Amino acid sequence: MKKISVDDAKTMVYGLLGKGVDVRLNRGRNKIKHYKGVLSEAHSNVFVIKLANDIFDRISCSYIDLICGELTIKPCNDCHI
């Protein structure tokens, strides 16, 4: 696994801002969730993903989640709301 810095994580998130993303979130104890949505907001410590077709309408994640590997984000062309 490639290690990234906080600045690299922020650059990646700001590059995907407003675009469709495919999210894999590891909640621990073999609880892995997959989401599709649009990266709608990015702030200094957290970013928000607006979800499509899920119980929740959005999730907020920190850049540390990306660095630790608990969260992976990939661009997705068919993930628009």
C-alpha atoms as a PDB file:
ATOM      1  CA  MET A   1       0.000   0.000   0.000  1.00  0.00           C
ATOM      2  CA  LYS A   2       1.340   3.374  -0.994  1.00  0.00           C
ATOM      3  CA  LYS A   3       1.632   5.916   1.793  1.00  0.00           C
ATOM      4  CA  ILE A   4       0.285   9.381   1.121  1.00  0.00           C
ATOM      5  CA  SER A   5       0.514  12.648   3.010  1.00  0.00           C
ATOM      6  CA  VAL A   6      -2.325  14.884   4.146  1.00  0.00           C
ATOM      7  CA  ASP A   7      -1.569  17.286   1.293  1.00  0.00           C
ATOM      8  CA  ASP A   8      -1.743  14.442  -1.239  1.00  0.00           C
ATOM      9  CA  ALA A   9      -5.096  13.326   0.210  1.00  0.00           C
ATOM     10  CA  LYS A  10      -6.494  16.858   0.037  1.00  0.00           C
ATOM     11  CA  THR A  11      -5.266  17.275  -3.541  1.00  0.00           C
ATOM     12  CA  MET A  12      -6.954  14.027  -4.548  1.00  0.00           C
ATOM     13  CA  VAL A  13     -10.237  14.989  -2.869  1.00  0.00           C
ATOM     14  CA  TYR A  14     -10.272  18.506  -4.340  1.00  0.00           C
ATOM     15  CA  GLY A  15      -9.630  16.979  -7.771  1.00  0.00           C
ATOM     16  CA  LEU A  16     -12.748  14.803  -7.419  1.00  0.00           C
ATOM     17  CA  LEU A  17     -14.942  17.605  -6.064  1.00  0.00           C
ATOM     18  CA  GLY A  18     -18.316  17.607  -7.825  1.00  0.00           C
ATOM     19  CA  LYS A  19     -17.638  14.299  -9.581  1.00  0.00           C
ATOM     20  CA  GLY A  20     -19.076  10.833  -9.113  1.00  0.00           C
ATOM     21  CA  VAL A  21     -17.113   8.518  -6.806  1.00  0.00           C
ATOM     22  CA  ASP A  22     -17.138   4.900  -5.724  1.00  0.00           C
ATOM     23  CA  VAL A  23     -16.345   4.604  -1.999  1.00  0.00           C
ATOM     24  CA  ARG A  24     -15.174   1.591   0.002  1.00  0.00           C
ATOM     25  CA  LEU A  25     -15.337   2.184   3.761  1.00  0.00           C
ATOM     26  CA  ASN A  26     -13.855  -0.279   6.248  1.00  0.00           C
ATOM     27  CA  ARG A  27     -15.725   0.041   9.552  1.00  0.00           C
ATOM     28  CA  GLY A  28     -13.691  -2.713  11.248  1.00  0.00           C
ATOM     29  CA  ARG A  29     -14.558  -6.291  12.237  1.00  0.00           C
ATOM     30  CA  ASN A  30     -15.191  -7.275   8.620  1.00  0.00           C
ATOM     31  CA  LYS A  31     -17.808  -4.539   8.165  1.00  0.00           C
ATOM     32  CA  ILE A  32     -16.971  -3.149   4.746  1.00  0.00           C
ATOM     33  CA  LYS A  33     -19.485  -0.830   3.119  1.00  0.00           C
ATOM     34  CA  HIS A  34     -19.589   0.235  -0.530  1.00  0.00           C
ATOM     35  CA  TYR A  35     -21.206   3.514  -1.521  1.00  0.00           C
ATOM     36  CA  LYS A  36     -21.719   5.440  -4.749  1.00  0.00           C
ATOM     37  CA  GLY A  37     -22.298   9.156  -4.842  1.00  0.00           C
ATOM     38  CA  VAL A  38     -20.918  12.588  -5.583  1.00  0.00           C
ATOM     39  CA  LEU A  39     -18.141  14.279  -3.636  1.00  0.00           C
ATOM     40  CA  SER A  40     -20.106  17.428  -2.795  1.00  0.00           C
ATOM     41  CA  GLU A  41     -18.094  19.370  -0.198  1.00  0.00           C
ATOM     42  CA  ALA A  42     -14.477  19.603   0.917  1.00  0.00           C
ATOM     43  CA  HIS A  43     -13.361  21.452   4.031  1.00  0.00           C
ATOM     44  CA  SER A  44     -10.036  21.744   5.837  1.00  0.00           C
ATOM     45  CA  ASN A  45     -10.492  18.572   7.941  1.00  0.00           C
ATOM     46  CA  VAL A  46     -13.388  16.639   6.403  1.00  0.00           C
ATOM     47  CA  PHE A  47     -15.184  16.102   3.123  1.00  0.00           C
ATOM     48  CA  VAL A  48     -18.786  15.135   2.361  1.00  0.00           C
ATOM     49  CA  ILE A  49     -20.037  12.559  -0.115  1.00  0.00           C
ATOM     50  CA  LYS A  50     -23.677  12.857  -1.184  1.00  0.00           C
ATOM     51  CA  LEU A  51     -24.945   9.307  -1.616  1.00  0.00           C
ATOM     52  CA  ALA A  52     -27.175   7.847  -4.305  1.00  0.00           C
ATOM     53  CA  ASN A  53     -29.788   5.188  -3.496  1.00  0.00           C
ATOM     54  CA  ASP A  54     -28.925   4.589   0.151  1.00  0.00           C
ATOM     55  CA  ILE A  55     -30.632   4.947   3.513  1.00  0.00           C
ATOM     56  CA  PHE A  56     -28.427   7.903   4.394  1.00  0.00           C
ATOM     57  CA  ASP A  57     -28.255  10.938   2.147  1.00  0.00           C
ATOM     58  CA  ARG A  58     -24.563  11.695   2.813  1.00  0.00           C
ATOM     59  CA  ILE A  59     -21.480  10.631   4.738  1.00  0.00           C
ATOM     60  CA  SER A  60     -18.641  12.740   6.042  1.00  0.00           C
ATOM     61  CA  CYS A  61     -15.084  11.443   6.092  1.00  0.00           C
ATOM     62  CA  SER A  62     -11.747  12.808   7.213  1.00  0.00           C
ATOM     63  CA  TYR A  63      -8.527  12.934   5.244  1.00  0.00           C
ATOM     64  CA  ILE A  64      -6.981  10.708   7.922  1.00  0.00           C
ATOM     65  CA  ASP A  65      -9.379   7.923   6.840  1.00  0.00           C
ATOM     66  CA  LEU A  66      -7.735   8.054   3.398  1.00  0.00           C
ATOM     67  CA  ILE A  67      -4.222   8.060   4.831  1.00  0.00           C
ATOM     68  CA  CYS A  68      -4.886   5.104   7.155  1.00  0.00           C
ATOM     69  CA  GLY A  69      -6.504   3.067   4.385  1.00  0.00           C
ATOM     70  CA  GLU A  70      -9.912   2.827   6.049  1.00  0.00           C
ATOM     71  CA  LEU A  71     -11.421   4.643   3.076  1.00  0.00           C
ATOM     72  CA  THR A  72     -10.722   4.317  -0.635  1.00  0.00           C
ATOM     73  CA  ILE A  73     -12.193   6.561  -3.305  1.00  0.00           C
ATOM     74  CA  LYS A  74     -12.261   5.897  -7.035  1.00  0.00           C
ATOM     75  CA  PRO A  75     -13.755   8.047  -9.795  1.00  0.00           C
ATOM     76  CA  CYS A  76     -17.022   6.635 -11.127  1.00  0.00           C
ATOM     77  CA  ASN A  77     -18.736   7.753 -14.325  1.00  0.00           C
ATOM     78  CA  ASP A  78     -22.185   6.332 -13.531  1.00  0.00           C
ATOM     79  CA  CYS A  79     -22.418   7.610  -9.926  1.00  0.00           C
ATOM     80  CA  HIS A  80     -24.382  10.817 -10.448  1.00  0.00           C
ATOM     81  CA  ILE A  81     -27.327  11.802  -8.286  1.00  0.00           C
END
